[in-house]
């Protein structure tokens, strides 16, 4: 099975702009549609936690309200709205790793997501989300 890993910098400068993450997902979708057999299954995986502040004095601060907004936006099939978030908003809510989720959102477009799992711990909000390509 061919695997193409793509590293996306979300933690240190220069961080990839949110809009560019979405456009990367759109480019991947175009490549898959043009170059891969129609019946082939393709998975695009974005990793990273929801609100947390790794390696900063804010570690342990969780923005549950904003994380709820993210998950509800995905469930409602409005993932494209996440590409409109500012880089500053991701920084202030501890959602810097949302960039890695926005890439697959760009690939699938506005399709409803299924929240498979969510766990809120003392230092991070975890979720597993399924977006069908």
C-alpha atoms as a PDB file:
ATOM      1  CA  UNK A   1       0.000   0.000   0.000  1.00  0.00           C
ATOM      2  CA  UNK A   2       1.601   3.315  -0.995  1.00  0.00           C
ATOM      3  CA  UNK A   3       1.968   5.871   1.785  1.00  0.00           C
ATOM      4  CA  UNK A   4       2.863   9.521   1.233  1.00  0.00           C
ATOM      5  CA  UNK A   5       3.674  11.256   4.530  1.00  0.00           C
ATOM      6  CA  UNK A   6       3.358  15.031   4.575  1.00  0.00           C
ATOM      7  CA  UNK A   7       4.793  16.945   7.507  1.00  0.00           C
ATOM      8  CA  UNK A   8       2.914  20.116   8.300  1.00  0.00           C
ATOM      9  CA  UNK A   9       4.547  22.571  10.680  1.00  0.00           C
ATOM     10  CA  UNK A  10       2.032  23.739  13.279  1.00  0.00           C
ATOM     11  CA  UNK A  11       4.233  24.339  16.308  1.00  0.00           C
ATOM     12  CA  UNK A  12       7.120  26.698  15.518  1.00  0.00           C
ATOM     13  CA  UNK A  13       7.572  29.662  13.212  1.00  0.00           C
ATOM     14  CA  UNK A  14       7.058  29.835  10.337  1.00  0.00           C
ATOM     15  CA  UNK A  15       3.735  28.057  10.834  1.00  0.00           C
ATOM     16  CA  UNK A  16       1.675  27.227   7.784  1.00  0.00           C
ATOM     17  CA  UNK A  17      -1.201  29.715   7.370  1.00  0.00           C
ATOM     18  CA  UNK A  18      -4.658  28.228   8.002  1.00  0.00           C
ATOM     19  CA  UNK A  19      -5.959  29.065   4.520  1.00  0.00           C
ATOM     20  CA  UNK A  20      -2.941  27.414   2.932  1.00  0.00           C
ATOM     21  CA  UNK A  21      -3.651  24.217   4.895  1.00  0.00           C
ATOM     22  CA  UNK A  22      -7.123  24.139   3.359  1.00  0.00           C
ATOM     23  CA  UNK A  23      -5.702  24.736  -0.120  1.00  0.00           C
ATOM     24  CA  UNK A  24      -3.208  21.897   0.392  1.00  0.00           C
ATOM     25  CA  UNK A  25      -6.141  19.568   1.088  1.00  0.00           C
ATOM     26  CA  UNK A  26      -7.893  20.756  -2.076  1.00  0.00           C
ATOM     27  CA  UNK A  27      -4.704  20.127  -4.090  1.00  0.00           C
ATOM     28  CA  UNK A  28      -4.394  16.611  -2.658  1.00  0.00           C
ATOM     29  CA  UNK A  29      -8.021  15.895  -3.614  1.00  0.00           C
ATOM     30  CA  UNK A  30      -7.377  17.072  -7.196  1.00  0.00           C
ATOM     31  CA  UNK A  31      -4.294  14.866  -7.471  1.00  0.00           C
ATOM     32  CA  UNK A  32      -6.139  11.838  -6.098  1.00  0.00           C
ATOM     33  CA  UNK A  33      -9.084  12.405  -8.458  1.00  0.00           C
ATOM     34  CA  UNK A  34      -6.826  12.768 -11.487  1.00  0.00           C
ATOM     35  CA  UNK A  35      -4.055  10.256 -10.808  1.00  0.00           C
ATOM     36  CA  UNK A  36      -5.584   7.407  -8.806  1.00  0.00           C
ATOM     37  CA  UNK A  37      -8.075   4.751  -9.940  1.00  0.00           C
ATOM     38  CA  UNK A  38     -11.666   5.719  -9.189  1.00  0.00           C
ATOM     39  CA  UNK A  39     -12.338   2.638  -7.048  1.00  0.00           C
ATOM     40  CA  UNK A  40      -9.174   3.013  -4.961  1.00  0.00           C
ATOM     41  CA  UNK A  41      -9.578   3.924  -1.293  1.00  0.00           C
ATOM     42  CA  UNK A  42      -7.519   6.850  -0.065  1.00  0.00           C
ATOM     43  CA  UNK A  43      -7.093   7.991   3.530  1.00  0.00           C
ATOM     44  CA  UNK A  44      -5.901  11.429   4.538  1.00  0.00           C
ATOM     45  CA  UNK A  45      -5.052  11.561   8.216  1.00  0.00           C
ATOM     46  CA  UNK A  46      -4.606  14.735  10.222  1.00  0.00           C
ATOM     47  CA  UNK A  47      -3.173  14.309  13.702  1.00  0.00           C
ATOM     48  CA  UNK A  48      -2.935  16.607  16.690  1.00  0.00           C
ATOM     49  CA  UNK A  49      -4.972  17.526  19.707  1.00  0.00           C
ATOM     50  CA  UNK A  50      -7.582  20.153  20.207  1.00  0.00           C
ATOM     51  CA  UNK A  51      -6.917  22.949  22.673  1.00  0.00           C
ATOM     52  CA  UNK A  52      -3.648  22.663  24.497  1.00  0.00           C
ATOM     53  CA  UNK A  53      -0.434  24.602  24.731  1.00  0.00           C
ATOM     54  CA  UNK A  54       2.475  22.168  24.456  1.00  0.00           C
ATOM     55  CA  UNK A  55       5.756  23.545  25.742  1.00  0.00           C
ATOM     56  CA  UNK A  56       4.297  26.824  27.019  1.00  0.00           C
ATOM     57  CA  UNK A  57       3.343  28.271  30.424  1.00  0.00           C
ATOM     58  CA  UNK A  58      -0.317  27.833  29.396  1.00  0.00           C
ATOM     59  CA  UNK A  59      -0.025  24.025  29.306  1.00  0.00           C
ATOM     60  CA  UNK A  60      -3.175  22.628  30.910  1.00  0.00           C
ATOM     61  CA  UNK A  61      -5.449  25.465  29.775  1.00  0.00           C
ATOM     62  CA  UNK A  62      -8.270  23.980  27.704  1.00  0.00           C
ATOM     63  CA  UNK A  63     -10.767  26.025  25.693  1.00  0.00           C
ATOM     64  CA  UNK A  64     -13.704  23.607  25.707  1.00  0.00           C
ATOM     65  CA  UNK A  65     -16.123  26.154  24.214  1.00  0.00           C
ATOM     66  CA  UNK A  66     -13.937  26.719  21.170  1.00  0.00           C
ATOM     67  CA  UNK A  67     -13.263  22.989  20.833  1.00  0.00           C
ATOM     68  CA  UNK A  68     -17.042  22.416  20.876  1.00  0.00           C
ATOM     69  CA  UNK A  69     -17.364  25.006  18.106  1.00  0.00           C
ATOM     70  CA  UNK A  70     -14.787  23.117  16.013  1.00  0.00           C
ATOM     71  CA  UNK A  71     -16.471  19.740  16.470  1.00  0.00           C
ATOM     72  CA  UNK A  72     -19.987  21.093  15.898  1.00  0.00           C
ATOM     73  CA  UNK A  73     -18.804  22.872  12.739  1.00  0.00           C
ATOM     74  CA  UNK A  74     -17.381  19.593  11.430  1.00  0.00           C
ATOM     75  CA  UNK A  75     -20.495  17.601  12.408  1.00  0.00           C
ATOM     76  CA  UNK A  76     -22.704  20.130  10.612  1.00  0.00           C
ATOM     77  CA  UNK A  77     -20.739  19.664   7.381  1.00  0.00           C
ATOM     78  CA  UNK A  78     -19.368  23.198   7.500  1.00  0.00           C
ATOM     79  CA  UNK A  79     -15.692  22.332   7.763  1.00  0.00           C
ATOM     80  CA  UNK A  80     -14.784  24.928   5.160  1.00  0.00           C
ATOM     81  CA  UNK A  81     -15.636  27.566   7.790  1.00  0.00           C
ATOM     82  CA  UNK A  82     -12.606  26.443   9.789  1.00  0.00           C
ATOM     83  CA  UNK A  83     -10.346  27.645   6.959  1.00  0.00           C
ATOM     84  CA  UNK A  84     -11.565  31.167   7.722  1.00  0.00           C
ATOM     85  CA  UNK A  85     -10.138  31.098  11.240  1.00  0.00           C
ATOM     86  CA  UNK A  86      -7.176  33.362  11.795  1.00  0.00           C
ATOM     87  CA  UNK A  87      -3.789  32.097  12.814  1.00  0.00           C
ATOM     88  CA  UNK A  88      -4.107  34.343  15.881  1.00  0.00           C
ATOM     89  CA  UNK A  89      -7.368  32.623  16.892  1.00  0.00           C
ATOM     90  CA  UNK A  90      -5.657  29.228  16.786  1.00  0.00           C
ATOM     91  CA  UNK A  91      -2.844  30.592  18.942  1.00  0.00           C
ATOM     92  CA  UNK A  92      -5.106  32.150  21.579  1.00  0.00           C
ATOM     93  CA  UNK A  93      -7.273  29.024  21.931  1.00  0.00           C
ATOM     94  CA  UNK A  94      -4.385  26.548  21.915  1.00  0.00           C
ATOM     95  CA  UNK A  95      -5.586  25.009  18.656  1.00  0.00           C
ATOM     96  CA  UNK A  96      -2.373  25.353  16.673  1.00  0.00           C
ATOM     97  CA  UNK A  97      -2.594  21.714  15.586  1.00  0.00           C
ATOM     98  CA  UNK A  98      -6.008  22.304  13.988  1.00  0.00           C
ATOM     99  CA  UNK A  99      -3.986  23.075  10.856  1.00  0.00           C
ATOM    100  CA  UNK A 100      -3.426  19.328  10.446  1.00  0.00           C
ATOM    101  CA  UNK A 101      -7.183  18.741  10.562  1.00  0.00           C
ATOM    102  CA  UNK A 102      -7.902  21.494   8.045  1.00  0.00           C
ATOM    103  CA  UNK A 103      -5.890  19.694   5.343  1.00  0.00           C
ATOM    104  CA  UNK A 104      -8.308  16.714   5.193  1.00  0.00           C
ATOM    105  CA  UNK A 105     -11.225  19.144   5.507  1.00  0.00           C
ATOM    106  CA  UNK A 106      -9.932  20.850   2.369  1.00  0.00           C
ATOM    107  CA  UNK A 107      -9.809  17.486   0.614  1.00  0.00           C
ATOM    108  CA  UNK A 108     -13.369  16.427   1.446  1.00  0.00           C
ATOM    109  CA  UNK A 109     -15.076  19.827   1.424  1.00  0.00           C
ATOM    110  CA  UNK A 110     -18.278  20.455   3.325  1.00  0.00           C
ATOM    111  CA  UNK A 111     -19.288  16.924   4.260  1.00  0.00           C
ATOM    112  CA  UNK A 112     -20.659  16.064   7.688  1.00  0.00           C
ATOM    113  CA  UNK A 113     -18.120  14.535  10.035  1.00  0.00           C
ATOM    114  CA  UNK A 114     -18.697  11.820  12.578  1.00  0.00           C
ATOM    115  CA  UNK A 115     -17.193  12.340  16.028  1.00  0.00           C
ATOM    116  CA  UNK A 116     -15.961   8.858  16.918  1.00  0.00           C
ATOM    117  CA  UNK A 117     -14.363   9.633  20.268  1.00  0.00           C
ATOM    118  CA  UNK A 118     -13.740  12.579  22.555  1.00  0.00           C
ATOM    119  CA  UNK A 119     -11.852  12.738  25.818  1.00  0.00           C
ATOM    120  CA  UNK A 120     -11.124  15.841  27.820  1.00  0.00           C
ATOM    121  CA  UNK A 121      -8.228  15.418  30.224  1.00  0.00           C
ATOM    122  CA  UNK A 122      -6.467  17.781  32.613  1.00  0.00           C
ATOM    123  CA  UNK A 123      -4.136  19.072  29.895  1.00  0.00           C
ATOM    124  CA  UNK A 124      -5.685  18.461  26.468  1.00  0.00           C
ATOM    125  CA  UNK A 125      -8.948  17.858  24.617  1.00  0.00           C
ATOM    126  CA  UNK A 126      -8.713  14.781  22.377  1.00  0.00           C
ATOM    127  CA  UNK A 127     -11.079  13.811  19.576  1.00  0.00           C
ATOM    128  CA  UNK A 128     -11.190  11.314  16.731  1.00  0.00           C
ATOM    129  CA  UNK A 129     -13.197  12.570  13.778  1.00  0.00           C
ATOM    130  CA  UNK A 130     -14.144  10.739  10.586  1.00  0.00           C
ATOM    131  CA  UNK A 131     -14.582  12.697   7.362  1.00  0.00           C
ATOM    132  CA  UNK A 132     -15.445  10.467   4.431  1.00  0.00           C
ATOM    133  CA  UNK A 133     -13.544  11.300   1.247  1.00  0.00           C
END
